Amino acid sequence: MRNVGRVISLLVPLVSGSCLDDAIPPAKRQNLVNRNGQNYPVGLFLSNYAASFAAQHLGAILIQEVLGYNTTINDDSPGSGTVAGYYAVTGCRAPNNASDRGCLRGVTYYHIHFESWDVYPLDYEYIQKTYASMAPRNLGSLGYDGLSTMYIPKQIQQQAYSTTGKALEFYRDWNASWNQPWNYFARISSVDTSRLKPCSATAMSDDAAMRRHARITGDTDGVVVTGDIYSGRCDDGFWWTAPSCRANTSQCVAYITAGSGWGAEEMMQKYTIWNMPGAVAVAASGGEYT
């Protein structure tokens, strides 16, 4: 799915003029008009990954040439991922800012977010309850499924299995009470933190997500409460570490994700509940991640 997205996104900028033979010409396209008489184009919110680039631009072509509406896309400031897309369509002015999304500040200028992953049900539910009058609607599937999972190099898997009989692709063989998976990986201290985002700029600063982490896992030591705001505990400012290796981070295995922290909350919960010695960080950019 992601490979297909890359091919299509490379093709999109090469198109000039209209794509469809019977396209509605630009001069006849119109803007949306709200009840107060304000008018603006249909806004498509783009997130910073290839499939999102492809989906928003292809969607824009259809909206322009078939439906006859002007469109705008945030090409110059892509979103961090699906959750940012939820907030953008809700009308929040700073959808990438996990600590303050800037919601309830008037009309929304983003109306569609194609290629949105439905793996953040708690965030979606939170928006539906908290911003009910502006909350987005899920209009269904684009017609294909995507898969996201951890990547462990095959060589490391084979080394662990041939020397200790441990299958690193199986979560139980990561239980730190019985296993030492850190022996097969570099230390998190070897990662140049200039290539990482500070936790304050990631999902670790998302109050709702960190509240859920503490409530679901009981890991109150893994969060910091300032006033009434929850954030992830990152002792060095870049890495959230699991309880099983928090006291000795040389035994933490790095999990590096992208965006504002794709899958970070999920991995924090798994590391805690299954006693896995992991550390979560977010790459500073898409280029650093790939």
Protein backbone atom coordinates (compact mmCIF):
# COMPACT_ATOMS: atom_id res chain seq x y z
CA MET A 1 0.00 0.00 0.00
CA ARG A 2 2.72 2.49 0.86
CA ASN A 3 4.74 1.59 -2.26
CA VAL A 4 1.72 2.23 -4.46
CA GLY A 5 1.21 5.56 -2.70
CA ARG A 6 4.76 6.63 -3.52
CA VAL A 7 4.35 5.88 -7.23
CA ILE A 8 1.10 7.80 -7.51
CA SER A 9 2.41 10.78 -5.55
CA LEU A 10 5.30 11.08 -7.97
CA LEU A 11 2.89 11.17 -10.87
CA VAL A 12 0.61 13.84 -9.45
CA PRO A 13 2.93 16.87 -9.90
CA LEU A 14 3.51 15.97 -13.56
CA VAL A 15 -0.14 16.56 -14.48
CA SER A 16 -0.98 19.94 -16.00
CA GLY A 17 -4.37 21.28 -17.01
CA SER A 18 -7.35 19.00 -16.52
CA CYS A 19 -7.09 15.27 -16.06
CA LEU A 20 -10.58 14.35 -17.23
CA ASP A 21 -11.90 14.98 -20.73
CA ASP A 22 -15.19 16.33 -19.39
CA ALA A 23 -13.70 18.25 -16.45
CA ILE A 24 -15.53 21.30 -15.12
CA PRO A 25 -13.22 24.18 -16.11
CA PRO A 26 -11.58 26.29 -13.37
CA ALA A 27 -13.64 29.37 -14.26
CA LYS A 28 -16.87 27.52 -13.43
CA ARG A 29 -15.76 26.07 -10.11
CA GLN A 30 -17.11 27.50 -6.89
CA ASN A 31 -16.25 27.81 -3.21
CA LEU A 32 -18.16 26.58 -0.22
CA VAL A 33 -20.39 29.20 1.45
CA ASN A 34 -21.36 28.91 5.10
CA ARG A 35 -24.46 30.26 6.86
CA ASN A 36 -22.64 33.52 7.67
CA GLY A 37 -21.82 34.16 4.04
CA GLN A 38 -18.13 33.28 4.33
CA ASN A 39 -16.74 31.46 1.32
CA TYR A 40 -13.63 29.30 1.00
CA PRO A 41 -12.42 26.29 -0.99
CA VAL A 42 -12.86 22.69 0.07
CA GLY A 43 -9.90 21.97 2.36
CA LEU A 44 -8.12 18.63 2.23
CA PHE A 45 -5.74 17.94 5.10
CA LEU A 46 -2.54 16.23 4.03
CA SER A 47 -0.36 14.22 6.41
CA ASN A 48 3.36 13.73 5.93
CA TYR A 49 3.48 10.27 4.32
CA ALA A 50 3.35 9.16 0.71
CA ALA A 51 -0.09 7.56 0.64
CA SER A 52 -1.64 10.69 2.13
CA PHE A 53 -0.01 12.88 -0.53
CA ALA A 54 -1.46 10.64 -3.23
CA ALA A 55 -4.93 10.40 -1.70
CA GLN A 56 -5.43 14.13 -1.07
CA HIS A 57 -4.25 15.16 -4.54
CA LEU A 58 -6.30 12.53 -6.33
CA GLY A 59 -9.30 13.50 -4.21
CA ALA A 60 -8.77 17.16 -5.06
CA ILE A 61 -8.78 16.38 -8.78
CA LEU A 62 -12.16 14.64 -8.49
CA ILE A 63 -13.65 17.41 -6.33
CA GLN A 64 -12.49 20.07 -8.79
CA GLU A 65 -13.20 18.39 -12.10
CA VAL A 66 -16.28 16.30 -11.30
CA LEU A 67 -18.02 18.24 -8.50
CA GLY A 68 -16.89 21.69 -9.57
CA TYR A 69 -15.44 23.03 -6.31
CA ASN A 70 -12.16 24.79 -5.69
CA THR A 71 -9.81 23.02 -3.32
CA THR A 72 -6.84 23.75 -1.11
CA ILE A 73 -4.26 21.37 0.39
CA ASN A 74 -1.70 22.07 3.12
CA ASP A 75 1.28 21.03 0.98
CA ASP A 76 3.57 23.57 2.65
CA SER A 77 2.84 22.34 6.18
CA PRO A 78 1.88 18.65 6.18
CA GLY A 79 0.22 17.14 9.21
CA SER A 80 1.91 14.68 11.52
CA GLY A 81 -0.57 11.87 10.90
CA THR A 82 -4.11 10.60 11.31
CA VAL A 83 -4.80 12.15 14.73
CA ALA A 84 -3.72 15.56 13.45
CA GLY A 85 -6.15 14.99 10.58
CA TYR A 86 -8.97 14.37 13.04
CA TYR A 87 -8.27 17.68 14.75
CA ALA A 88 -7.79 19.60 11.51
CA VAL A 89 -11.21 18.58 10.19
CA THR A 90 -12.64 19.47 13.62
CA GLY A 91 -11.47 23.03 12.94
CA CYS A 92 -8.58 23.12 15.40
CA ARG A 93 -6.01 25.72 14.41
CA ALA A 94 -2.89 23.81 15.57
CA PRO A 95 -3.71 20.15 14.81
CA ASN A 96 -0.06 19.06 15.10
CA ASN A 97 0.41 20.52 18.58
CA ALA A 98 -0.44 17.69 20.98
CA SER A 99 -0.34 19.98 24.03
CA ASP A 100 -2.77 22.57 22.59
CA ARG A 101 -4.63 21.78 19.36
CA GLY A 102 -6.33 25.18 19.27
CA CYS A 103 -9.90 23.91 19.04
CA LEU A 104 -13.25 25.71 19.17
CA ARG A 105 -11.96 28.83 17.43
CA GLY A 106 -14.53 29.18 14.69
CA VAL A 107 -15.16 27.71 11.27
CA THR A 108 -13.08 24.81 9.96
CA TYR A 109 -11.08 25.32 6.77
CA TYR A 110 -10.32 21.62 6.38
CA HIS A 111 -13.22 19.38 5.46
CA ILE A 112 -11.73 16.08 4.26
CA HIS A 113 -8.87 13.85 5.35
CA PHE A 114 -8.43 10.91 3.00
CA GLU A 115 -6.14 7.98 3.92
CA SER A 116 -7.02 8.29 7.57
CA TRP A 117 -6.13 5.22 9.63
CA ASP A 118 -8.78 3.90 12.02
CA VAL A 119 -6.28 2.72 14.62
CA TYR A 120 -6.85 5.65 17.00
CA PRO A 121 -10.39 4.93 18.26
CA LEU A 122 -9.87 6.56 21.66
CA ASP A 123 -8.69 9.83 20.09
CA TYR A 124 -11.62 9.78 17.68
CA GLU A 125 -14.06 9.07 20.52
CA TYR A 126 -12.54 11.87 22.61
CA ILE A 127 -13.08 14.38 19.79
CA GLN A 128 -16.67 13.21 19.26
CA LYS A 129 -17.46 13.80 22.93
CA THR A 130 -15.42 16.95 23.54
CA TYR A 131 -16.10 18.85 20.31
CA ALA A 132 -19.43 17.34 19.32
CA SER A 133 -20.61 20.32 17.26
CA MET A 134 -17.46 20.30 15.09
CA ALA A 135 -16.43 16.64 15.19
CA PRO A 136 -15.71 14.87 11.88
CA ARG A 137 -17.72 11.97 10.49
CA ASN A 138 -16.26 8.67 9.38
CA LEU A 139 -17.58 8.12 5.84
CA GLY A 140 -16.08 4.66 5.44
CA SER A 141 -13.22 2.91 3.69
CA LEU A 142 -11.38 4.03 0.56
CA GLY A 143 -11.47 0.38 -0.47
CA TYR A 144 -8.15 -0.99 0.74
CA ASP A 145 -6.52 -1.98 4.01
CA GLY A 146 -3.13 -1.00 5.42
CA LEU A 147 -0.91 -2.71 7.97
CA SER A 148 1.45 -1.15 10.46
CA THR A 149 3.79 -3.15 12.68
CA MET A 150 7.25 -3.19 14.27
CA TYR A 151 10.32 -3.91 12.17
CA ILE A 152 13.10 -6.09 13.55
CA PRO A 153 15.96 -6.90 11.15
CA LYS A 154 15.95 -10.54 10.08
CA GLN A 155 19.62 -10.95 10.99
CA ILE A 156 18.92 -9.97 14.60
CA GLN A 157 15.97 -12.36 14.80
CA GLN A 158 18.11 -15.21 13.47
CA GLN A 159 20.98 -14.42 15.86
CA ALA A 160 18.69 -14.47 18.91
CA TYR A 161 17.06 -17.72 17.88
CA SER A 162 20.27 -19.53 16.97
CA THR A 163 22.10 -18.54 20.18
CA THR A 164 19.36 -18.60 22.84
CA GLY A 165 16.29 -20.06 21.16
CA LYS A 166 14.40 -16.77 21.64
CA ALA A 167 11.94 -15.64 18.97
CA LEU A 168 12.06 -11.83 19.02
CA GLU A 169 8.99 -11.68 16.79
CA PHE A 170 7.02 -13.14 19.75
CA TYR A 171 6.17 -10.70 22.53
CA ARG A 172 6.56 -13.19 25.40
CA ASP A 173 10.24 -13.65 24.57
CA TRP A 174 10.68 -9.96 25.43
CA ASN A 175 9.59 -10.36 29.06
CA ALA A 176 12.49 -8.82 30.99
CA SER A 177 11.96 -11.11 33.97
CA TRP A 178 13.15 -14.09 31.93
CA ASN A 179 14.95 -12.70 28.89
CA GLN A 180 17.61 -10.17 27.91
CA PRO A 181 16.58 -8.95 24.43
CA TRP A 182 18.77 -5.86 24.82
CA ASN A 183 21.81 -8.03 24.15
CA TYR A 184 20.97 -7.96 20.43
CA PHE A 185 20.52 -4.21 20.01
CA ALA A 186 22.54 -1.02 20.31
CA ARG A 187 21.99 1.16 23.38
CA ILE A 188 19.60 4.09 23.11
CA SER A 189 22.51 6.29 24.21
CA SER A 190 24.09 5.62 20.80
CA VAL A 191 21.29 7.50 19.03
CA ASP A 192 22.07 11.13 18.21
CA THR A 193 19.23 13.03 19.88
CA SER A 194 19.52 15.82 17.29
CA ARG A 195 17.79 13.31 15.00
CA LEU A 196 14.84 12.98 17.40
CA LYS A 197 11.96 15.22 18.37
CA PRO A 198 11.79 16.25 22.02
CA CYS A 199 8.97 14.53 23.86
CA SER A 200 7.31 17.92 24.31
CA ALA A 201 6.68 18.00 20.54
CA THR A 202 5.23 14.50 20.30
CA ALA A 203 2.32 12.34 21.45
CA MET A 204 4.08 12.12 24.82
CA SER A 205 2.76 15.62 25.49
CA ASP A 206 -0.83 14.65 24.65
CA ASP A 207 -2.75 15.01 27.90
CA ALA A 208 -5.57 12.64 26.93
CA ALA A 209 -3.20 9.92 25.69
CA MET A 210 -0.99 10.06 28.75
CA ARG A 211 -4.00 9.99 31.07
CA ARG A 212 -5.10 6.82 29.28
CA HIS A 213 -1.65 5.31 29.70
CA ALA A 214 -1.67 5.86 33.45
CA ARG A 215 -5.25 4.64 33.84
CA ILE A 216 -4.97 1.53 31.66
CA THR A 217 -1.52 0.34 32.75
CA GLY A 218 -1.21 1.73 36.26
CA ASP A 219 2.20 3.13 35.29
CA THR A 220 1.87 6.40 37.19
CA ASP A 221 5.67 6.61 37.36
CA GLY A 222 5.74 6.81 33.57
CA VAL A 223 3.88 10.13 33.43
CA VAL A 224 4.47 13.60 34.80
CA VAL A 225 1.54 15.66 36.08
CA THR A 226 1.98 19.42 35.96
CA GLY A 227 -1.03 21.19 37.39
CA ASP A 228 -3.71 18.97 35.91
CA ILE A 229 -1.89 18.22 32.64
CA TYR A 230 -0.38 14.80 31.97
CA SER A 231 2.71 14.18 29.84
CA GLY A 232 5.00 11.22 29.31
CA ARG A 233 8.03 10.93 31.54
CA CYS A 234 11.12 11.48 29.39
CA ASP A 235 14.06 11.90 31.75
CA ASP A 236 16.43 13.07 29.01
CA GLY A 237 13.73 14.94 27.08
CA PHE A 238 13.69 12.49 24.15
CA TRP A 239 13.04 8.91 25.30
CA TRP A 240 10.09 7.50 27.23
CA THR A 241 11.34 4.32 28.93
CA ALA A 242 9.34 1.30 30.06
CA PRO A 243 9.13 0.31 33.74
CA SER A 244 11.26 -2.82 33.18
CA CYS A 245 14.30 -0.78 32.09
CA ARG A 246 13.58 2.68 33.49
CA ALA A 247 16.14 2.27 36.26
CA ASN A 248 18.79 1.01 33.83
CA THR A 249 18.25 2.50 30.38
CA SER A 250 21.20 0.54 28.96
CA GLN A 251 18.73 -2.36 28.89
CA CYS A 252 16.07 -0.43 26.93
CA VAL A 253 15.60 -1.37 23.28
CA ALA A 254 14.84 1.55 20.98
CA TYR A 255 11.47 1.89 19.27
CA ILE A 256 11.61 4.88 16.92
CA THR A 257 8.50 6.04 15.12
CA ALA A 258 7.57 9.08 13.01
CA GLY A 259 5.01 11.87 12.72
CA SER A 260 4.05 13.07 16.17
CA GLY A 261 4.37 9.52 17.46
CA TRP A 262 2.60 6.96 15.27
CA GLY A 263 1.78 3.98 17.49
CA ALA A 264 3.62 5.44 20.49
CA GLU A 265 0.73 5.14 22.91
CA GLU A 266 0.11 1.56 21.80
CA MET A 267 3.75 0.56 22.32
CA MET A 268 3.93 2.30 25.70
CA GLN A 269 0.99 0.21 26.89
CA LYS A 270 2.41 -3.03 25.48
CA TYR A 271 5.86 -2.41 26.95
CA THR A 272 4.32 -1.77 30.36
CA ILE A 273 1.72 -4.54 30.51
CA TRP A 274 3.95 -7.25 29.01
CA ASN A 275 7.10 -6.22 30.93
CA MET A 276 9.05 -5.48 27.75
CA PRO A 277 12.26 -3.38 28.03
CA GLY A 278 11.50 -0.74 25.40
CA ALA A 279 12.13 2.97 24.92
CA VAL A 280 9.94 5.13 22.66
CA ALA A 281 11.16 8.11 20.65
CA VAL A 282 10.04 10.02 17.54
CA ALA A 283 12.24 10.82 14.56
CA ALA A 284 12.86 14.53 13.98
CA SER A 285 11.56 14.32 10.39
CA GLY A 286 10.24 11.95 7.78
CA GLY A 287 13.69 11.90 6.21
CA GLU A 288 15.30 10.79 9.45
CA TYR A 289 12.69 8.08 9.85
CA THR A 290 13.07 6.58 6.40
